[in-house]
Amino acid sequence: MYLIVGLGNPDKVYQNTFHNVGFMAVDRFAESIGAKFTKNECKAVTAHTFVDGQKVIIAKPQTYMNLSGESVLSLTAKYKIEQDAFFVVYDDVDLPLGALRIRESGSAGTHNGMRNIVNLIGTQQFNRMRIGIGRGANAQMDLKDFVLSRVSDDDMQTLEKTFDGASQALKEFCQGQPVQKIMQKHNAK
């Protein structure tokens, strides 16, 4: 069984903000495999489906970003998900807009949602996909204001291509491809 978690904030006001890139990416993945978000469980909305005969749960925590770990901890416990069988997808201000980086472990960096997950599950040893949101011309803007700002149409066009790549990488993961191989293929782009 696989668990794919996209990070974001649940209210409509945050829908098209940079901090919701994780939600957007898993929405694209769910759409690509025909999954629908129909359940509310473990402080998340979830979609349950199968990819090549393997059960896949896609989750969007509804706890707000800074408490994402509450949902992740609950989901991994409920479904007995092993650390190597889940992915967390989130925005990263330190990567250029549209960059995609996959890692098998690592620190939470400056991302409060990831910090909460690492603190609550007690390890950094889990797969993560960072999607670059950069700051570009907004480098002087307060970080909180930037991540909660709306994505422009031009920036969204760049991110749409990244979401396609992210969706493909997540599908490969759920098909049982080794994360190292997925990293080699998608981190190079």
N, C-alpha and C. Protein backbone atom coordinates (compact mmCIF):
# COMPACT_ATOMS: atom_id res chain seq x y z
N MET A 1 0.84 -1.17 0.00
CA MET A 1 0.00 0.00 0.00
C MET A 1 0.89 1.24 0.00
N TYR A 2 0.47 2.25 -0.74
CA TYR A 2 1.22 3.50 -0.85
C TYR A 2 0.39 4.67 -0.34
N LEU A 3 1.05 5.63 0.25
CA LEU A 3 0.42 6.86 0.71
C LEU A 3 1.14 8.04 0.07
N ILE A 4 0.37 8.89 -0.60
CA ILE A 4 0.90 10.10 -1.21
C ILE A 4 0.24 11.27 -0.51
N VAL A 5 1.03 12.16 0.10
CA VAL A 5 0.49 13.29 0.85
C VAL A 5 0.94 14.59 0.21
N GLY A 6 -0.01 15.43 -0.15
CA GLY A 6 0.30 16.76 -0.66
C GLY A 6 0.04 17.76 0.45
N LEU A 7 0.93 18.72 0.63
CA LEU A 7 0.76 19.71 1.69
C LEU A 7 0.17 21.01 1.16
N GLY A 8 -0.66 21.62 2.00
CA GLY A 8 -1.30 22.88 1.64
C GLY A 8 -2.19 23.34 2.77
N ASN A 9 -2.99 24.36 2.48
CA ASN A 9 -3.96 24.89 3.43
C ASN A 9 -5.36 24.70 2.86
N PRO A 10 -6.33 24.33 3.70
CA PRO A 10 -7.63 23.91 3.19
C PRO A 10 -8.59 25.01 2.73
N ASP A 11 -8.54 26.19 3.26
CA ASP A 11 -9.54 27.19 2.92
C ASP A 11 -9.40 27.69 1.48
N LYS A 12 -10.55 28.07 0.91
CA LYS A 12 -10.60 28.53 -0.48
C LYS A 12 -9.67 29.73 -0.73
N VAL A 13 -9.50 30.56 0.28
CA VAL A 13 -8.65 31.75 0.13
C VAL A 13 -7.19 31.37 -0.19
N TYR A 14 -6.78 30.15 0.18
CA TYR A 14 -5.41 29.70 -0.08
C TYR A 14 -5.28 28.87 -1.36
N GLN A 15 -6.38 28.66 -2.04
CA GLN A 15 -6.44 27.69 -3.14
C GLN A 15 -5.34 27.82 -4.19
N ASN A 16 -5.09 28.99 -4.68
CA ASN A 16 -4.08 29.15 -5.74
C ASN A 16 -2.86 29.92 -5.25
N THR A 17 -2.43 29.61 -4.03
CA THR A 17 -1.24 30.26 -3.49
C THR A 17 -0.04 29.32 -3.62
N PHE A 18 1.13 29.89 -3.50
CA PHE A 18 2.36 29.10 -3.63
C PHE A 18 2.44 27.99 -2.57
N HIS A 19 1.90 28.26 -1.38
CA HIS A 19 1.98 27.26 -0.30
C HIS A 19 1.07 26.05 -0.56
N ASN A 20 0.23 26.14 -1.58
CA ASN A 20 -0.67 25.03 -1.90
C ASN A 20 -0.20 24.22 -3.11
N VAL A 21 1.03 24.41 -3.51
CA VAL A 21 1.58 23.66 -4.64
C VAL A 21 1.51 22.15 -4.39
N GLY A 22 1.70 21.72 -3.14
CA GLY A 22 1.60 20.29 -2.83
C GLY A 22 0.20 19.75 -3.11
N PHE A 23 -0.83 20.51 -2.73
CA PHE A 23 -2.22 20.13 -3.04
C PHE A 23 -2.41 20.04 -4.55
N MET A 24 -1.92 21.05 -5.26
CA MET A 24 -2.10 21.10 -6.71
C MET A 24 -1.45 19.89 -7.39
N ALA A 25 -0.27 19.54 -6.93
CA ALA A 25 0.46 18.41 -7.53
C ALA A 25 -0.28 17.09 -7.31
N VAL A 26 -0.78 16.86 -6.09
CA VAL A 26 -1.48 15.59 -5.85
C VAL A 26 -2.86 15.59 -6.51
N ASP A 27 -3.45 16.77 -6.69
CA ASP A 27 -4.69 16.84 -7.47
C ASP A 27 -4.44 16.36 -8.90
N ARG A 28 -3.32 16.81 -9.49
CA ARG A 28 -2.98 16.40 -10.85
C ARG A 28 -2.73 14.90 -10.89
N PHE A 29 -2.02 14.36 -9.91
CA PHE A 29 -1.76 12.93 -9.84
C PHE A 29 -3.07 12.16 -9.74
N ALA A 30 -3.95 12.58 -8.85
CA ALA A 30 -5.24 11.90 -8.67
C ALA A 30 -6.03 11.91 -9.99
N GLU A 31 -6.05 13.05 -10.63
CA GLU A 31 -6.76 13.17 -11.92
C GLU A 31 -6.17 12.21 -12.95
N SER A 32 -4.85 12.10 -12.98
CA SER A 32 -4.18 11.27 -14.00
C SER A 32 -4.46 9.78 -13.83
N ILE A 33 -4.79 9.36 -12.60
CA ILE A 33 -5.07 7.94 -12.38
C ILE A 33 -6.56 7.69 -12.10
N GLY A 34 -7.38 8.72 -12.26
CA GLY A 34 -8.82 8.57 -12.11
C GLY A 34 -9.30 8.45 -10.67
N ALA A 35 -8.55 8.98 -9.72
CA ALA A 35 -8.93 8.92 -8.30
C ALA A 35 -9.72 10.17 -7.93
N LYS A 36 -10.68 10.00 -7.03
CA LYS A 36 -11.51 11.11 -6.56
C LYS A 36 -11.38 11.24 -5.04
N PHE A 37 -11.29 12.47 -4.58
CA PHE A 37 -11.23 12.73 -3.14
C PHE A 37 -12.65 12.66 -2.58
N THR A 38 -12.95 11.55 -1.92
CA THR A 38 -14.31 11.31 -1.44
C THR A 38 -14.41 11.05 0.05
N LYS A 39 -13.29 10.86 0.74
CA LYS A 39 -13.34 10.52 2.16
C LYS A 39 -12.72 11.63 3.01
N ASN A 40 -13.28 11.77 4.21
CA ASN A 40 -12.68 12.63 5.23
C ASN A 40 -12.24 11.71 6.35
N GLU A 41 -10.93 11.63 6.58
CA GLU A 41 -10.40 10.75 7.62
C GLU A 41 -9.05 11.27 8.08
N CYS A 42 -8.74 11.00 9.32
CA CYS A 42 -7.40 11.32 9.85
C CYS A 42 -7.01 12.78 9.59
N LYS A 43 -7.97 13.68 9.73
CA LYS A 43 -7.74 15.11 9.52
C LYS A 43 -7.28 15.42 8.10
N ALA A 44 -7.79 14.65 7.13
CA ALA A 44 -7.43 14.84 5.71
C ALA A 44 -8.61 14.48 4.83
N VAL A 45 -8.59 15.01 3.60
CA VAL A 45 -9.47 14.47 2.56
C VAL A 45 -8.62 13.49 1.78
N THR A 46 -9.21 12.34 1.46
CA THR A 46 -8.42 11.29 0.81
C THR A 46 -9.13 10.72 -0.41
N ALA A 47 -8.31 10.19 -1.28
CA ALA A 47 -8.77 9.45 -2.46
C ALA A 47 -8.14 8.06 -2.37
N HIS A 48 -8.95 7.03 -2.54
CA HIS A 48 -8.46 5.65 -2.50
C HIS A 48 -8.61 5.05 -3.89
N THR A 49 -7.55 4.41 -4.37
CA THR A 49 -7.59 3.80 -5.70
C THR A 49 -6.54 2.70 -5.77
N PHE A 50 -6.35 2.17 -6.96
CA PHE A 50 -5.33 1.16 -7.20
C PHE A 50 -4.50 1.58 -8.41
N VAL A 51 -3.19 1.33 -8.35
CA VAL A 51 -2.29 1.53 -9.48
C VAL A 51 -1.58 0.20 -9.67
N ASP A 52 -1.77 -0.40 -10.82
CA ASP A 52 -1.17 -1.71 -11.12
C ASP A 52 -1.41 -2.72 -9.99
N GLY A 53 -2.62 -2.73 -9.48
CA GLY A 53 -3.00 -3.69 -8.45
C GLY A 53 -2.58 -3.33 -7.04
N GLN A 54 -1.88 -2.22 -6.87
CA GLN A 54 -1.44 -1.78 -5.55
C GLN A 54 -2.37 -0.69 -5.02
N LYS A 55 -2.79 -0.83 -3.77
CA LYS A 55 -3.64 0.17 -3.13
C LYS A 55 -2.85 1.46 -2.95
N VAL A 56 -3.49 2.58 -3.32
CA VAL A 56 -2.88 3.90 -3.20
C VAL A 56 -3.87 4.83 -2.50
N ILE A 57 -3.39 5.51 -1.48
CA ILE A 57 -4.19 6.54 -0.81
C ILE A 57 -3.50 7.88 -1.06
N ILE A 58 -4.27 8.83 -1.56
CA ILE A 58 -3.76 10.18 -1.79
C ILE A 58 -4.44 11.06 -0.75
N ALA A 59 -3.65 11.85 -0.02
CA ALA A 59 -4.22 12.64 1.08
C ALA A 59 -3.81 14.11 0.99
N LYS A 60 -4.77 14.96 1.39
CA LYS A 60 -4.52 16.39 1.55
C LYS A 60 -4.93 16.76 2.98
N PRO A 61 -3.95 16.89 3.88
CA PRO A 61 -4.27 17.24 5.27
C PRO A 61 -5.07 18.54 5.34
N GLN A 62 -6.04 18.55 6.24
CA GLN A 62 -6.90 19.72 6.42
C GLN A 62 -6.60 20.46 7.71
N THR A 63 -5.42 20.24 8.25
CA THR A 63 -4.99 20.79 9.54
C THR A 63 -4.37 22.17 9.42
N TYR A 64 -4.22 22.67 8.24
CA TYR A 64 -3.38 23.82 7.90
C TYR A 64 -1.94 23.36 7.94
N MET A 65 -1.15 24.05 7.15
CA MET A 65 0.21 23.62 6.86
C MET A 65 1.03 23.26 8.10
N ASN A 66 1.03 24.13 9.09
CA ASN A 66 1.95 23.96 10.22
C ASN A 66 1.64 22.76 11.09
N LEU A 67 0.48 22.13 10.92
CA LEU A 67 0.11 20.95 11.71
C LEU A 67 -0.08 19.72 10.83
N SER A 68 0.52 19.72 9.66
CA SER A 68 0.38 18.61 8.70
C SER A 68 0.76 17.26 9.28
N GLY A 69 1.70 17.25 10.20
CA GLY A 69 2.17 16.01 10.80
C GLY A 69 1.08 15.25 11.54
N GLU A 70 0.09 15.97 12.08
CA GLU A 70 -1.00 15.30 12.78
C GLU A 70 -1.73 14.34 11.85
N SER A 71 -2.00 14.79 10.66
CA SER A 71 -2.68 13.97 9.67
C SER A 71 -1.79 12.84 9.17
N VAL A 72 -0.54 13.15 8.87
CA VAL A 72 0.40 12.13 8.37
C VAL A 72 0.59 11.03 9.41
N LEU A 73 0.78 11.41 10.66
CA LEU A 73 0.96 10.43 11.72
C LEU A 73 -0.27 9.53 11.84
N SER A 74 -1.43 10.13 11.79
CA SER A 74 -2.68 9.37 11.91
C SER A 74 -2.88 8.42 10.73
N LEU A 75 -2.62 8.89 9.52
CA LEU A 75 -2.78 8.05 8.32
C LEU A 75 -1.79 6.89 8.30
N THR A 76 -0.53 7.17 8.63
CA THR A 76 0.48 6.10 8.60
C THR A 76 0.17 5.05 9.65
N ALA A 77 -0.37 5.47 10.79
CA ALA A 77 -0.74 4.51 11.85
C ALA A 77 -1.97 3.71 11.44
N LYS A 78 -2.99 4.38 10.94
CA LYS A 78 -4.25 3.71 10.59
C LYS A 78 -4.03 2.63 9.53
N TYR A 79 -3.24 2.95 8.51
CA TYR A 79 -3.04 2.04 7.40
C TYR A 79 -1.73 1.26 7.48
N LYS A 80 -1.01 1.43 8.58
CA LYS A 80 0.25 0.72 8.79
C LYS A 80 1.21 0.91 7.61
N ILE A 81 1.38 2.16 7.22
CA ILE A 81 2.24 2.53 6.09
C ILE A 81 3.70 2.56 6.55
N GLU A 82 4.53 1.84 5.85
CA GLU A 82 5.97 1.85 6.13
C GLU A 82 6.58 3.15 5.62
N GLN A 83 7.70 3.57 6.21
CA GLN A 83 8.33 4.83 5.84
C GLN A 83 8.73 4.89 4.37
N ASP A 84 9.08 3.74 3.79
CA ASP A 84 9.50 3.77 2.38
C ASP A 84 8.32 3.68 1.42
N ALA A 85 7.08 3.66 1.95
CA ALA A 85 5.89 3.51 1.10
C ALA A 85 5.05 4.78 1.05
N PHE A 86 5.64 5.90 1.50
CA PHE A 86 4.89 7.14 1.34
C PHE A 86 5.77 8.28 0.87
N PHE A 87 5.11 9.24 0.24
CA PHE A 87 5.75 10.42 -0.32
C PHE A 87 5.03 11.64 0.23
N VAL A 88 5.78 12.67 0.58
CA VAL A 88 5.21 13.96 0.93
C VAL A 88 5.61 14.94 -0.17
N VAL A 89 4.62 15.66 -0.71
CA VAL A 89 4.83 16.60 -1.82
C VAL A 89 4.55 18.00 -1.30
N TYR A 90 5.51 18.91 -1.49
CA TYR A 90 5.35 20.25 -0.93
C TYR A 90 6.16 21.29 -1.70
N ASP A 91 5.85 22.56 -1.42
CA ASP A 91 6.53 23.69 -2.05
C ASP A 91 7.88 23.93 -1.39
N ASP A 92 8.82 24.45 -2.18
CA ASP A 92 10.13 24.79 -1.64
C ASP A 92 10.59 26.12 -2.22
N VAL A 93 10.69 27.12 -1.36
CA VAL A 93 11.06 28.46 -1.78
C VAL A 93 12.53 28.54 -2.19
N ASP A 94 13.34 27.57 -1.75
CA ASP A 94 14.77 27.59 -2.05
C ASP A 94 15.11 26.99 -3.42
N LEU A 95 14.12 26.44 -4.11
CA LEU A 95 14.33 25.92 -5.46
C LEU A 95 13.73 26.88 -6.47
N PRO A 96 14.32 26.99 -7.65
CA PRO A 96 13.75 27.87 -8.68
C PRO A 96 12.34 27.43 -9.06
N LEU A 97 11.53 28.37 -9.47
CA LEU A 97 10.16 28.08 -9.86
C LEU A 97 10.11 26.93 -10.86
N GLY A 98 9.34 25.93 -10.54
CA GLY A 98 9.12 24.80 -11.44
C GLY A 98 10.13 23.67 -11.30
N ALA A 99 11.17 23.85 -10.50
CA ALA A 99 12.14 22.76 -10.31
C ALA A 99 11.49 21.64 -9.50
N LEU A 100 11.86 20.42 -9.81
CA LEU A 100 11.33 19.24 -9.11
C LEU A 100 12.50 18.48 -8.51
N ARG A 101 12.47 18.23 -7.19
CA ARG A 101 13.54 17.50 -6.53
C ARG A 101 12.93 16.41 -5.66
N ILE A 102 13.40 15.20 -5.87
CA ILE A 102 12.94 14.05 -5.11
C ILE A 102 14.11 13.56 -4.26
N ARG A 103 13.82 13.25 -3.00
CA ARG A 103 14.83 12.71 -2.09
C ARG A 103 14.21 11.62 -1.23
N GLU A 104 15.05 10.73 -0.75
CA GLU A 104 14.58 9.65 0.12
C GLU A 104 14.59 10.03 1.59
N SER A 105 15.28 11.11 1.92
CA SER A 105 15.35 11.56 3.31
C SER A 105 15.94 12.96 3.31
N GLY A 106 16.01 13.54 4.49
CA GLY A 106 16.62 14.86 4.61
C GLY A 106 15.91 15.69 5.65
N SER A 107 16.48 16.85 5.92
CA SER A 107 15.89 17.73 6.93
C SER A 107 14.65 18.40 6.37
N ALA A 108 13.92 19.04 7.25
CA ALA A 108 12.71 19.76 6.86
C ALA A 108 13.04 21.13 6.28
N GLY A 109 14.27 21.58 6.47
CA GLY A 109 14.65 22.90 5.99
C GLY A 109 13.83 23.98 6.68
N THR A 110 13.39 24.95 5.91
CA THR A 110 12.62 26.07 6.46
C THR A 110 11.12 25.84 6.40
N HIS A 111 10.70 24.66 5.95
CA HIS A 111 9.27 24.40 5.72
C HIS A 111 8.59 23.92 7.00
N ASN A 112 7.69 24.74 7.54
CA ASN A 112 7.03 24.42 8.81
C ASN A 112 6.17 23.16 8.75
N GLY A 113 5.52 22.90 7.64
CA GLY A 113 4.73 21.68 7.52
C GLY A 113 5.60 20.44 7.61
N MET A 114 6.74 20.48 6.94
CA MET A 114 7.67 19.35 7.00
C MET A 114 8.29 19.22 8.38
N ARG A 115 8.59 20.33 9.03
CA ARG A 115 9.12 20.28 10.40
C ARG A 115 8.14 19.54 11.31
N ASN A 116 6.86 19.85 11.18
CA ASN A 116 5.85 19.23 12.01
C ASN A 116 5.76 17.73 11.73
N ILE A 117 5.85 17.35 10.47
CA ILE A 117 5.81 15.92 10.11
C ILE A 117 7.01 15.20 10.71
N VAL A 118 8.20 15.74 10.50
CA VAL A 118 9.42 15.11 11.02
C VAL A 118 9.34 14.98 12.54
N ASN A 119 8.88 16.05 13.22
CA ASN A 119 8.79 16.01 14.68
C ASN A 119 7.80 14.95 15.16
N LEU A 120 6.65 14.84 14.51
CA LEU A 120 5.62 13.93 14.98
C LEU A 120 5.88 12.47 14.61
N ILE A 121 6.43 12.22 13.42
CA ILE A 121 6.68 10.81 13.07
C ILE A 121 8.05 10.36 13.56
N GLY A 122 8.88 11.32 13.99
CA GLY A 122 10.13 10.98 14.65
C GLY A 122 11.26 10.53 13.75
N THR A 123 11.18 10.86 12.46
CA THR A 123 12.27 10.49 11.55
C THR A 123 12.28 11.42 10.34
N GLN A 124 13.46 11.53 9.72
CA GLN A 124 13.61 12.25 8.45
C GLN A 124 13.69 11.26 7.29
N GLN A 125 13.59 9.98 7.61
CA GLN A 125 13.79 8.92 6.61
C GLN A 125 12.48 8.58 5.90
N PHE A 126 12.02 9.47 5.05
CA PHE A 126 10.86 9.20 4.22
C PHE A 126 11.00 10.00 2.93
N ASN A 127 10.32 9.52 1.89
CA ASN A 127 10.41 10.14 0.56
C ASN A 127 9.72 11.49 0.55
N ARG A 128 10.34 12.41 -0.18
CA ARG A 128 9.73 13.72 -0.33
C ARG A 128 9.99 14.25 -1.72
N MET A 129 9.03 15.03 -2.19
CA MET A 129 9.12 15.68 -3.49
C MET A 129 8.94 17.17 -3.25
N ARG A 130 9.98 17.92 -3.56
CA ARG A 130 9.93 19.37 -3.40
C ARG A 130 9.68 20.00 -4.76
N ILE A 131 8.75 20.93 -4.79
CA ILE A 131 8.44 21.66 -6.02
C ILE A 131 8.84 23.11 -5.81
N GLY A 132 9.76 23.57 -6.64
CA GLY A 132 10.29 24.92 -6.49
C GLY A 132 9.27 26.00 -6.77
N ILE A 133 9.21 26.96 -5.85
CA ILE A 133 8.35 28.13 -6.07
C ILE A 133 9.20 29.39 -6.18
N GLY A 134 10.51 29.27 -5.92
CA GLY A 134 11.44 30.40 -6.06
C GLY A 134 10.90 31.67 -5.43
N ARG A 135 11.62 32.71 -5.54
CA ARG A 135 11.09 34.00 -5.09
C ARG A 135 11.29 35.04 -6.16
N GLY A 136 12.22 34.76 -7.06
CA GLY A 136 12.44 35.66 -8.18
C GLY A 136 12.41 37.12 -7.80
N ALA A 137 11.51 37.87 -8.45
CA ALA A 137 11.40 39.32 -8.23
C ALA A 137 10.83 39.64 -6.84
N ASN A 138 10.35 38.61 -6.13
CA ASN A 138 9.74 38.83 -4.82
C ASN A 138 10.70 38.56 -3.67
N ALA A 139 12.00 38.62 -3.93
CA ALA A 139 13.00 38.27 -2.93
C ALA A 139 12.93 39.16 -1.68
N GLN A 140 12.46 40.38 -1.83
CA GLN A 140 12.39 41.30 -0.69
C GLN A 140 11.11 41.11 0.12
N MET A 141 10.16 40.38 -0.43
CA MET A 141 8.88 40.17 0.24
C MET A 141 9.06 39.25 1.45
N ASP A 142 8.32 39.51 2.52
CA ASP A 142 8.33 38.64 3.69
C ASP A 142 7.97 37.22 3.24
N LEU A 143 8.69 36.22 3.78
CA LEU A 143 8.49 34.83 3.35
C LEU A 143 7.03 34.39 3.50
N LYS A 144 6.43 34.66 4.66
CA LYS A 144 5.03 34.27 4.89
C LYS A 144 4.10 34.91 3.86
N ASP A 145 4.32 36.20 3.60
CA ASP A 145 3.48 36.89 2.61
C ASP A 145 3.67 36.28 1.23
N PHE A 146 4.91 35.93 0.90
CA PHE A 146 5.16 35.35 -0.42
C PHE A 146 4.48 34.00 -0.59
N VAL A 147 4.68 33.07 0.36
CA VAL A 147 4.11 31.73 0.17
C VAL A 147 2.59 31.75 0.18
N LEU A 148 1.99 32.77 0.80
CA LEU A 148 0.53 32.87 0.82
C LEU A 148 -0.02 33.77 -0.28
N SER A 149 0.88 34.22 -1.17
CA SER A 149 0.42 35.05 -2.30
C SER A 149 -0.06 34.16 -3.44
N ARG A 150 -0.91 34.72 -4.28
CA ARG A 150 -1.48 33.98 -5.39
C ARG A 150 -0.44 33.76 -6.49
N VAL A 151 -0.52 32.61 -7.12
CA VAL A 151 0.37 32.27 -8.23
C VAL A 151 -0.14 33.00 -9.47
N SER A 152 0.74 33.75 -10.13
CA SER A 152 0.34 34.47 -11.36
C SER A 152 0.08 33.47 -12.47
N ASP A 153 -0.61 33.91 -13.50
CA ASP A 153 -0.90 33.04 -14.65
C ASP A 153 0.39 32.54 -15.29
N ASP A 154 1.39 33.41 -15.43
CA ASP A 154 2.67 33.01 -16.03
C ASP A 154 3.36 31.95 -15.18
N ASP A 155 3.40 32.17 -13.87
CA ASP A 155 4.02 31.20 -12.99
C ASP A 155 3.25 29.88 -12.98
N MET A 156 1.93 29.97 -13.09
CA MET A 156 1.11 28.75 -13.11
C MET A 156 1.42 27.92 -14.35
N GLN A 157 1.68 28.56 -15.48
CA GLN A 157 2.03 27.83 -16.70
C GLN A 157 3.31 27.02 -16.47
N THR A 158 4.28 27.62 -15.80
CA THR A 158 5.52 26.90 -15.48
C THR A 158 5.23 25.73 -14.55
N LEU A 159 4.42 25.98 -13.52
CA LEU A 159 4.11 24.94 -12.55
C LEU A 159 3.29 23.80 -13.15
N GLU A 160 2.44 24.10 -14.11
CA GLU A 160 1.61 23.05 -14.76
C GLU A 160 2.51 21.96 -15.35
N LYS A 161 3.59 22.37 -15.98
CA LYS A 161 4.54 21.39 -16.55
C LYS A 161 5.17 20.56 -15.44
N THR A 162 5.49 21.21 -14.33
CA THR A 162 6.08 20.51 -13.19
C THR A 162 5.09 19.51 -12.61
N PHE A 163 3.82 19.89 -12.54
CA PHE A 163 2.80 18.98 -12.00
C PHE A 163 2.69 17.72 -12.87
N ASP A 164 2.85 17.89 -14.17
CA ASP A 164 2.84 16.71 -15.06
C ASP A 164 4.00 15.77 -14.72
N GLY A 165 5.19 16.33 -14.53
CA GLY A 165 6.35 15.53 -14.17
C GLY A 165 6.19 14.89 -12.80
N ALA A 166 5.65 15.65 -11.86
CA ALA A 166 5.42 15.14 -10.50
C ALA A 166 4.43 13.98 -10.54
N SER A 167 3.38 14.13 -11.31
CA SER A 167 2.37 13.09 -11.44
C SER A 167 2.97 11.81 -12.01
N GLN A 168 3.80 11.95 -13.02
CA GLN A 168 4.45 10.79 -13.62
C GLN A 168 5.38 10.10 -12.62
N ALA A 169 6.14 10.89 -11.87
CA ALA A 169 7.06 10.33 -10.87
C ALA A 169 6.28 9.58 -9.78
N LEU A 170 5.17 10.13 -9.33
CA LEU A 170 4.36 9.47 -8.30
C LEU A 170 3.75 8.18 -8.83
N LYS A 171 3.35 8.19 -10.08
CA LYS A 171 2.79 6.97 -10.67
C LYS A 171 3.87 5.89 -10.74
N GLU A 172 5.08 6.27 -11.13
CA GLU A 172 6.19 5.31 -11.19
C GLU A 172 6.47 4.74 -9.80
N PHE A 173 6.40 5.58 -8.78
CA PHE A 173 6.60 5.13 -7.40
C PHE A 173 5.54 4.09 -7.01
N CYS A 174 4.29 4.38 -7.35
CA CYS A 174 3.19 3.47 -7.01
C CYS A 174 3.21 2.19 -7.86
N GLN A 175 3.96 2.22 -8.95
CA GLN A 175 4.15 1.02 -9.77
C GLN A 175 5.32 0.19 -9.26
N GLY A 176 5.96 0.66 -8.19
CA GLY A 176 7.04 -0.11 -7.57
C GLY A 176 8.43 0.20 -8.06
N GLN A 177 8.59 1.26 -8.87
CA GLN A 177 9.94 1.60 -9.32
C GLN A 177 10.76 2.12 -8.14
N PRO A 178 12.04 1.79 -8.09
CA PRO A 178 12.89 2.26 -6.99
C PRO A 178 13.00 3.79 -7.00
N VAL A 179 13.00 4.37 -5.81
CA VAL A 179 13.06 5.83 -5.70
C VAL A 179 14.35 6.36 -6.33
N GLN A 180 15.46 5.64 -6.20
CA GLN A 180 16.72 6.09 -6.82
C GLN A 180 16.56 6.26 -8.33
N LYS A 181 15.87 5.33 -8.96
CA LYS A 181 15.66 5.41 -10.40
C LYS A 181 14.75 6.59 -10.75
N ILE A 182 13.73 6.81 -9.95
CA ILE A 182 12.81 7.94 -10.17
C ILE A 182 13.56 9.25 -10.00
N MET A 183 14.44 9.31 -8.99
CA MET A 183 15.24 10.50 -8.77
C MET A 183 16.12 10.81 -9.98
N GLN A 184 16.80 9.78 -10.49
CA GLN A 184 17.69 9.97 -11.63
C GLN A 184 16.94 10.52 -12.83
N LYS A 185 15.74 10.01 -13.03
CA LYS A 185 14.94 10.42 -14.20
C LYS A 185 14.38 11.83 -14.05
N HIS A 186 13.81 12.14 -12.88
CA HIS A 186 13.06 13.39 -12.73
C HIS A 186 13.87 14.54 -12.14
N ASN A 187 14.89 14.26 -11.33
CA ASN A 187 15.69 15.35 -10.77
C ASN A 187 16.57 15.99 -11.83
N ALA A 188 16.86 15.26 -12.88
CA ALA A 188 17.76 15.77 -13.92
C ALA A 188 17.11 16.85 -14.78
N LYS A 189 15.78 16.86 -14.82
CA LYS A 189 15.09 17.81 -15.71
C LYS A 189 15.17 19.22 -15.23
